[in-house]
Amino acid sequence: MTALRVGGPSGRTCFFTTADFSKTTTLANDMLLTMNTQITTTGSTVIPSLRYRDALAAIDWLVTAFGFEKQTVFVAPDNKTVQHAQLTLGPGMIMIGSVDNGGEGGKFMVQPDEIGFRETAGAYLVVPDADAVYVTAKAAGAEMIIDIRDMDYGGRHFSCRDLEGHTWGIGTYDPWAPEPSQQNSKSAKEPVHESAGR
């Protein structure tokens, strides 16, 4: 059983189990709205979206460096501007567009080099062999910002910047995989891990 602790503006703390999240829950003086979690998609329900100045080059780089596959790429009539692209890695996906692709979202985003290569978000890729991806990413010119190593929470991990400075975490730690103690005991508590995405 998983419990979520929610503190509202009135200072009360309420605990909910995952069973409570299949409906809308309303609290007096505080409101916690929940959605039905029974989403029917077979892929990832969280899809990072990135912008690149040269999105066509970025797509090719991501395929070479990390092993993404092109699912869909829509290019404008100028044959340079990527209006929208979808790349997949296993059941995961990212969406990519050119910085100036005519969409409304571009005005809310900046590129890493415009803010000193600091970011407020990054993507984490679960891979079966982090060492192999490390080799291909390094060969493609990725800047290693956290070198590959064994992590205290399990798995191997490294972080790097891509050809336009976006930060990626790559590792074998799979947050979806049950812990061995959870497989053997229904009463085992869920472990708390430091974020692998950095």
C-alpha atoms as a PDB file:
ATOM      1  CA  MET A   1       0.000   0.000   0.000  1.00  0.00           C
ATOM      2  CA  THR A   2       1.364   3.413  -0.958  1.00  0.00           C
ATOM      3  CA  ALA A   3       0.417   6.503   1.043  1.00  0.00           C
ATOM      4  CA  LEU A   4       0.626  10.118  -0.056  1.00  0.00           C
ATOM      5  CA  ARG A   5       0.870  12.874   2.525  1.00  0.00           C
ATOM      6  CA  VAL A   6      -0.804  16.111   1.454  1.00  0.00           C
ATOM      7  CA  GLY A   7      -0.560  19.355   3.422  1.00  0.00           C
ATOM      8  CA  GLY A   8      -3.012  22.086   2.539  1.00  0.00           C
ATOM      9  CA  PRO A   9      -3.151  25.837   3.198  1.00  0.00           C
ATOM     10  CA  SER A  10      -5.103  25.287   6.438  1.00  0.00           C
ATOM     11  CA  GLY A  11      -2.128  23.390   7.811  1.00  0.00           C
ATOM     12  CA  ARG A  12      -3.894  20.024   8.007  1.00  0.00           C
ATOM     13  CA  THR A  13      -2.119  16.921   6.843  1.00  0.00           C
ATOM     14  CA  CYS A  14      -4.114  14.171   5.185  1.00  0.00           C
ATOM     15  CA  PHE A  15      -3.001  10.706   4.140  1.00  0.00           C
ATOM     16  CA  PHE A  16      -4.366   8.931   1.076  1.00  0.00           C
ATOM     17  CA  THR A  17      -3.791   5.471  -0.316  1.00  0.00           C
ATOM     18  CA  THR A  18      -3.505   4.759  -4.007  1.00  0.00           C
ATOM     19  CA  ALA A  19      -7.102   3.466  -3.907  1.00  0.00           C
ATOM     20  CA  ASP A  20      -8.253   7.021  -3.102  1.00  0.00           C
ATOM     21  CA  PHE A  21      -6.895   8.290  -6.407  1.00  0.00           C
ATOM     22  CA  SER A  22      -9.399   6.578  -8.684  1.00  0.00           C
ATOM     23  CA  LYS A  23     -11.901   9.353  -7.923  1.00  0.00           C
ATOM     24  CA  THR A  24     -12.006  13.054  -7.123  1.00  0.00           C
ATOM     25  CA  THR A  25     -11.299  13.744  -3.458  1.00  0.00           C
ATOM     26  CA  THR A  26     -12.391  17.034  -1.876  1.00  0.00           C
ATOM     27  CA  LEU A  27     -11.268  18.236   1.529  1.00  0.00           C
ATOM     28  CA  ALA A  28     -12.949  20.906   3.663  1.00  0.00           C
ATOM     29  CA  ASN A  29     -10.972  24.185   3.315  1.00  0.00           C
ATOM     30  CA  ASP A  30      -8.395  22.376   1.165  1.00  0.00           C
ATOM     31  CA  MET A  31      -9.013  20.781  -2.202  1.00  0.00           C
ATOM     32  CA  LEU A  32      -7.162  17.877  -3.675  1.00  0.00           C
ATOM     33  CA  LEU A  33      -8.395  17.047  -7.147  1.00  0.00           C
ATOM     34  CA  THR A  34      -7.292  13.731  -8.584  1.00  0.00           C
ATOM     35  CA  MET A  35      -7.748  12.152 -11.976  1.00  0.00           C
ATOM     36  CA  ASN A  36      -8.592   8.588 -12.805  1.00  0.00           C
ATOM     37  CA  THR A  37      -5.218   6.888 -13.107  1.00  0.00           C
ATOM     38  CA  GLN A  38      -6.467   4.167 -15.445  1.00  0.00           C
ATOM     39  CA  ILE A  39      -4.835   5.582 -18.585  1.00  0.00           C
ATOM     40  CA  THR A  40      -5.052   3.199 -21.519  1.00  0.00           C
ATOM     41  CA  THR A  41      -1.954   4.171 -23.519  1.00  0.00           C
ATOM     42  CA  THR A  42       0.692   1.472 -23.980  1.00  0.00           C
ATOM     43  CA  GLY A  43       3.537   3.989 -24.051  1.00  0.00           C
ATOM     44  CA  SER A  44       4.872   6.596 -21.680  1.00  0.00           C
ATOM     45  CA  THR A  45       2.335   9.062 -20.300  1.00  0.00           C
ATOM     46  CA  VAL A  46       5.038  11.659 -19.571  1.00  0.00           C
ATOM     47  CA  ILE A  47       6.793  12.794 -22.746  1.00  0.00           C
ATOM     48  CA  PRO A  48       9.605  15.359 -22.538  1.00  0.00           C
ATOM     49  CA  SER A  49       9.575  18.026 -25.224  1.00  0.00           C
ATOM     50  CA  LEU A  50      12.776  19.731 -26.364  1.00  0.00           C
ATOM     51  CA  ARG A  51      13.649  22.498 -28.801  1.00  0.00           C
ATOM     52  CA  TYR A  52      16.820  22.680 -30.871  1.00  0.00           C
ATOM     53  CA  ARG A  53      18.233  25.353 -33.182  1.00  0.00           C
ATOM     54  CA  ASP A  54      19.206  22.639 -35.664  1.00  0.00           C
ATOM     55  CA  ALA A  55      16.552  20.053 -34.893  1.00  0.00           C
ATOM     56  CA  LEU A  56      17.356  17.856 -37.894  1.00  0.00           C
ATOM     57  CA  ALA A  57      20.968  17.510 -36.742  1.00  0.00           C
ATOM     58  CA  ALA A  58      19.759  16.925 -33.171  1.00  0.00           C
ATOM     59  CA  ILE A  59      17.463  14.110 -34.289  1.00  0.00           C
ATOM     60  CA  ASP A  60      20.305  12.356 -36.092  1.00  0.00           C
ATOM     61  CA  TRP A  61      22.603  12.914 -33.091  1.00  0.00           C
ATOM     62  CA  LEU A  62      20.082  11.457 -30.620  1.00  0.00           C
ATOM     63  CA  VAL A  63      19.627   8.396 -32.828  1.00  0.00           C
ATOM     64  CA  THR A  64      23.406   7.867 -33.061  1.00  0.00           C
ATOM     65  CA  ALA A  65      24.367   8.780 -29.494  1.00  0.00           C
ATOM     66  CA  PHE A  66      21.534   7.286 -27.441  1.00  0.00           C
ATOM     67  CA  GLY A  67      19.795   4.808 -29.749  1.00  0.00           C
ATOM     68  CA  PHE A  68      16.509   6.634 -30.297  1.00  0.00           C
ATOM     69  CA  GLU A  69      14.403   5.679 -33.306  1.00  0.00           C
ATOM     70  CA  LYS A  70      12.577   8.165 -35.518  1.00  0.00           C
ATOM     71  CA  GLN A  71       8.855   7.606 -35.272  1.00  0.00           C
ATOM     72  CA  THR A  72       7.601  10.795 -36.938  1.00  0.00           C
ATOM     73  CA  VAL A  73       9.360  13.879 -38.318  1.00  0.00           C
ATOM     74  CA  PHE A  74       7.369  16.754 -39.831  1.00  0.00           C
ATOM     75  CA  VAL A  75       9.573  19.236 -41.690  1.00  0.00           C
ATOM     76  CA  ALA A  76       8.401  22.642 -42.942  1.00  0.00           C
ATOM     77  CA  PRO A  77       8.548  23.523 -46.660  1.00  0.00           C
ATOM     78  CA  ASP A  78      11.979  25.146 -46.094  1.00  0.00           C
ATOM     79  CA  ASN A  79      13.357  21.610 -45.478  1.00  0.00           C
ATOM     80  CA  LYS A  80      15.172  22.882 -42.348  1.00  0.00           C
ATOM     81  CA  THR A  81      12.545  23.652 -39.717  1.00  0.00           C
ATOM     82  CA  VAL A  82      11.217  20.708 -37.727  1.00  0.00           C
ATOM     83  CA  GLN A  83       7.613  21.508 -36.901  1.00  0.00           C
ATOM     84  CA  HIS A  84       7.233  18.366 -34.804  1.00  0.00           C
ATOM     85  CA  ALA A  85       9.131  15.108 -34.324  1.00  0.00           C
ATOM     86  CA  GLN A  86       8.650  12.043 -32.159  1.00  0.00           C
ATOM     87  CA  LEU A  87      11.561   9.808 -31.233  1.00  0.00           C
ATOM     88  CA  THR A  88      11.151   6.562 -29.307  1.00  0.00           C
ATOM     89  CA  LEU A  89      13.392   4.542 -27.031  1.00  0.00           C
ATOM     90  CA  GLY A  90      11.643   1.343 -26.012  1.00  0.00           C
ATOM     91  CA  PRO A  91       8.195   2.369 -24.737  1.00  0.00           C
ATOM     92  CA  GLY A  92       9.443   5.913 -24.013  1.00  0.00           C
ATOM     93  CA  MET A  93       9.217   8.922 -26.268  1.00  0.00           C
ATOM     94  CA  ILE A  94      10.497  12.473 -26.642  1.00  0.00           C
ATOM     95  CA  MET A  95       9.062  15.190 -28.844  1.00  0.00           C
ATOM     96  CA  ILE A  96      11.334  17.635 -30.654  1.00  0.00           C
ATOM     97  CA  GLY A  97      10.855  20.825 -32.590  1.00  0.00           C
ATOM     98  CA  SER A  98      12.966  23.622 -33.993  1.00  0.00           C
ATOM     99  CA  VAL A  99      13.430  26.626 -31.712  1.00  0.00           C
ATOM    100  CA  ASP A 100      11.501  28.811 -34.139  1.00  0.00           C
ATOM    101  CA  ASN A 101       8.960  26.422 -35.621  1.00  0.00           C
ATOM    102  CA  GLY A 102       6.040  28.843 -35.635  1.00  0.00           C
ATOM    103  CA  GLY A 103       4.375  27.280 -32.589  1.00  0.00           C
ATOM    104  CA  GLU A 104       3.154  29.202 -29.562  1.00  0.00           C
ATOM    105  CA  GLY A 105       5.242  27.234 -27.046  1.00  0.00           C
ATOM    106  CA  GLY A 106       8.608  28.534 -28.227  1.00  0.00           C
ATOM    107  CA  LYS A 107       8.200  31.895 -26.516  1.00  0.00           C
ATOM    108  CA  PHE A 108       8.123  30.145 -23.133  1.00  0.00           C
ATOM    109  CA  MET A 109      11.402  28.286 -23.610  1.00  0.00           C
ATOM    110  CA  VAL A 110      15.083  29.215 -23.711  1.00  0.00           C
ATOM    111  CA  GLN A 111      18.048  27.207 -24.879  1.00  0.00           C
ATOM    112  CA  PRO A 112      20.706  25.975 -22.427  1.00  0.00           C
ATOM    113  CA  ASP A 113      23.394  28.318 -23.796  1.00  0.00           C
ATOM    114  CA  GLU A 114      21.123  31.305 -23.105  1.00  0.00           C
ATOM    115  CA  ILE A 115      21.097  30.548 -19.368  1.00  0.00           C
ATOM    116  CA  GLY A 116      24.679  29.483 -18.724  1.00  0.00           C
ATOM    117  CA  PHE A 117      24.005  25.801 -19.507  1.00  0.00           C
ATOM    118  CA  ARG A 118      21.887  25.447 -16.377  1.00  0.00           C
ATOM    119  CA  GLU A 119      18.539  23.773 -16.732  1.00  0.00           C
ATOM    120  CA  THR A 120      15.440  23.303 -14.647  1.00  0.00           C
ATOM    121  CA  ALA A 121      14.658  19.894 -16.134  1.00  0.00           C
ATOM    122  CA  GLY A 122      16.418  16.961 -17.693  1.00  0.00           C
ATOM    123  CA  ALA A 123      15.510  13.625 -19.208  1.00  0.00           C
ATOM    124  CA  TYR A 124      16.559  10.248 -17.789  1.00  0.00           C
ATOM    125  CA  LEU A 125      16.924   7.264 -20.112  1.00  0.00           C
ATOM    126  CA  VAL A 126      16.654   3.728 -18.768  1.00  0.00           C
ATOM    127  CA  VAL A 127      19.016   1.530 -20.785  1.00  0.00           C
ATOM    128  CA  PRO A 128      20.098  -2.107 -20.432  1.00  0.00           C
ATOM    129  CA  ASP A 129      23.814  -1.272 -20.832  1.00  0.00           C
ATOM    130  CA  ALA A 130      24.912   2.187 -19.662  1.00  0.00           C
ATOM    131  CA  ASP A 131      28.537   1.491 -20.566  1.00  0.00           C
ATOM    132  CA  ALA A 132      27.630   0.842 -24.219  1.00  0.00           C
ATOM    133  CA  VAL A 133      25.575   4.050 -24.434  1.00  0.00           C
ATOM    134  CA  TYR A 134      28.404   5.934 -22.713  1.00  0.00           C
ATOM    135  CA  VAL A 135      30.741   4.854 -25.519  1.00  0.00           C
ATOM    136  CA  THR A 136      28.354   5.864 -28.326  1.00  0.00           C
ATOM    137  CA  ALA A 137      27.441   9.171 -26.645  1.00  0.00           C
ATOM    138  CA  LYS A 138      31.091  10.069 -26.073  1.00  0.00           C
ATOM    139  CA  ALA A 139      31.965   9.133 -29.664  1.00  0.00           C
ATOM    140  CA  ALA A 140      29.134  11.412 -30.871  1.00  0.00           C
ATOM    141  CA  GLY A 141      30.665  14.318 -28.930  1.00  0.00           C
ATOM    142  CA  ALA A 142      28.550  14.370 -25.763  1.00  0.00           C
ATOM    143  CA  GLU A 143      30.050  16.439 -22.942  1.00  0.00           C
ATOM    144  CA  MET A 144      30.237  14.198 -19.883  1.00  0.00           C
ATOM    145  CA  ILE A 145      29.176  16.134 -16.787  1.00  0.00           C
ATOM    146  CA  ILE A 146      28.861  13.147 -14.419  1.00  0.00           C
ATOM    147  CA  ASP A 147      31.169  10.321 -15.437  1.00  0.00           C
ATOM    148  CA  ILE A 148      29.863   6.766 -15.517  1.00  0.00           C
ATOM    149  CA  ARG A 149      29.825   4.964 -12.197  1.00  0.00           C
ATOM    150  CA  ASP A 150      27.953   2.517  -9.996  1.00  0.00           C
ATOM    151  CA  MET A 151      25.274   4.327  -8.000  1.00  0.00           C
ATOM    152  CA  ASP A 152      24.463   3.711  -4.333  1.00  0.00           C
ATOM    153  CA  TYR A 153      20.778   3.145  -5.211  1.00  0.00           C
ATOM    154  CA  GLY A 154      21.710   0.515  -7.796  1.00  0.00           C
ATOM    155  CA  GLY A 155      22.643   0.477 -11.447  1.00  0.00           C
ATOM    156  CA  ARG A 156      25.228   2.373 -13.489  1.00  0.00           C
ATOM    157  CA  HIS A 157      24.723   5.962 -14.468  1.00  0.00           C
ATOM    158  CA  PHE A 158      26.239   8.943 -16.253  1.00  0.00           C
ATOM    159  CA  SER A 159      25.015  12.404 -17.205  1.00  0.00           C
ATOM    160  CA  CYS A 160      25.964  14.385 -20.277  1.00  0.00           C
ATOM    161  CA  ARG A 161      25.075  17.345 -22.460  1.00  0.00           C
ATOM    162  CA  ASP A 162      23.988  16.844 -26.039  1.00  0.00           C
ATOM    163  CA  LEU A 163      25.154  18.837 -29.066  1.00  0.00           C
ATOM    164  CA  GLU A 164      23.123  21.920 -28.009  1.00  0.00           C
ATOM    165  CA  GLY A 165      23.651  21.602 -24.263  1.00  0.00           C
ATOM    166  CA  HIS A 166      20.523  19.792 -23.053  1.00  0.00           C
ATOM    167  CA  THR A 167      21.220  17.599 -20.026  1.00  0.00           C
ATOM    168  CA  TRP A 168      20.573  13.850 -20.131  1.00  0.00           C
ATOM    169  CA  GLY A 169      20.895  11.220 -17.423  1.00  0.00           C
ATOM    170  CA  ILE A 170      21.454   7.687 -18.701  1.00  0.00           C
ATOM    171  CA  GLY A 171      21.466   4.622 -16.514  1.00  0.00           C
ATOM    172  CA  THR A 172      20.446   1.063 -15.845  1.00  0.00           C
ATOM    173  CA  TYR A 173      18.394   1.919 -12.747  1.00  0.00           C
ATOM    174  CA  ASP A 174      14.759   1.287 -13.678  1.00  0.00           C
ATOM    175  CA  PRO A 175      12.323   3.010 -11.311  1.00  0.00           C
ATOM    176  CA  TRP A 176       9.497   0.822 -12.679  1.00  0.00           C
ATOM    177  CA  ALA A 177      11.205  -2.441 -11.724  1.00  0.00           C
ATOM    178  CA  PRO A 178      10.073  -3.840  -8.381  1.00  0.00           C
ATOM    179  CA  GLU A 179      12.699  -4.033  -5.668  1.00  0.00           C
ATOM    180  CA  PRO A 180      13.688  -7.617  -4.764  1.00  0.00           C
ATOM    181  CA  SER A 181      12.232  -7.113  -1.277  1.00  0.00           C
ATOM    182  CA  GLN A 182       8.908  -6.032  -2.823  1.00  0.00           C
ATOM    183  CA  GLN A 183       8.777  -9.134  -4.985  1.00  0.00           C
ATOM    184  CA  ASN A 184       9.279 -11.389  -1.960  1.00  0.00           C
ATOM    185  CA  SER A 185       7.104  -9.603   0.586  1.00  0.00           C
ATOM    186  CA  LYS A 186       3.816  -7.795   0.141  1.00  0.00           C
ATOM    187  CA  SER A 187       4.376  -5.935   3.400  1.00  0.00           C
ATOM    188  CA  ALA A 188       7.772  -4.520   2.422  1.00  0.00           C
ATOM    189  CA  LYS A 189       8.009  -0.743   2.665  1.00  0.00           C
ATOM    190  CA  GLU A 190       8.820   1.194  -0.475  1.00  0.00           C
ATOM    191  CA  PRO A 191      12.437   2.406  -0.550  1.00  0.00           C
ATOM    192  CA  VAL A 192      13.278   6.072  -0.888  1.00  0.00           C
ATOM    193  CA  HIS A 193      15.859   6.814  -3.604  1.00  0.00           C
ATOM    194  CA  GLU A 194      17.777   9.864  -4.601  1.00  0.00           C
ATOM    195  CA  SER A 195      16.661  10.974  -8.069  1.00  0.00           C
ATOM    196  CA  ALA A 196      18.540   9.267 -10.859  1.00  0.00           C
ATOM    197  CA  GLY A 197      17.761  12.067 -13.316  1.00  0.00           C
ATOM    198  CA  ARG A 198      19.942  14.733 -11.668  1.00  0.00           C
END
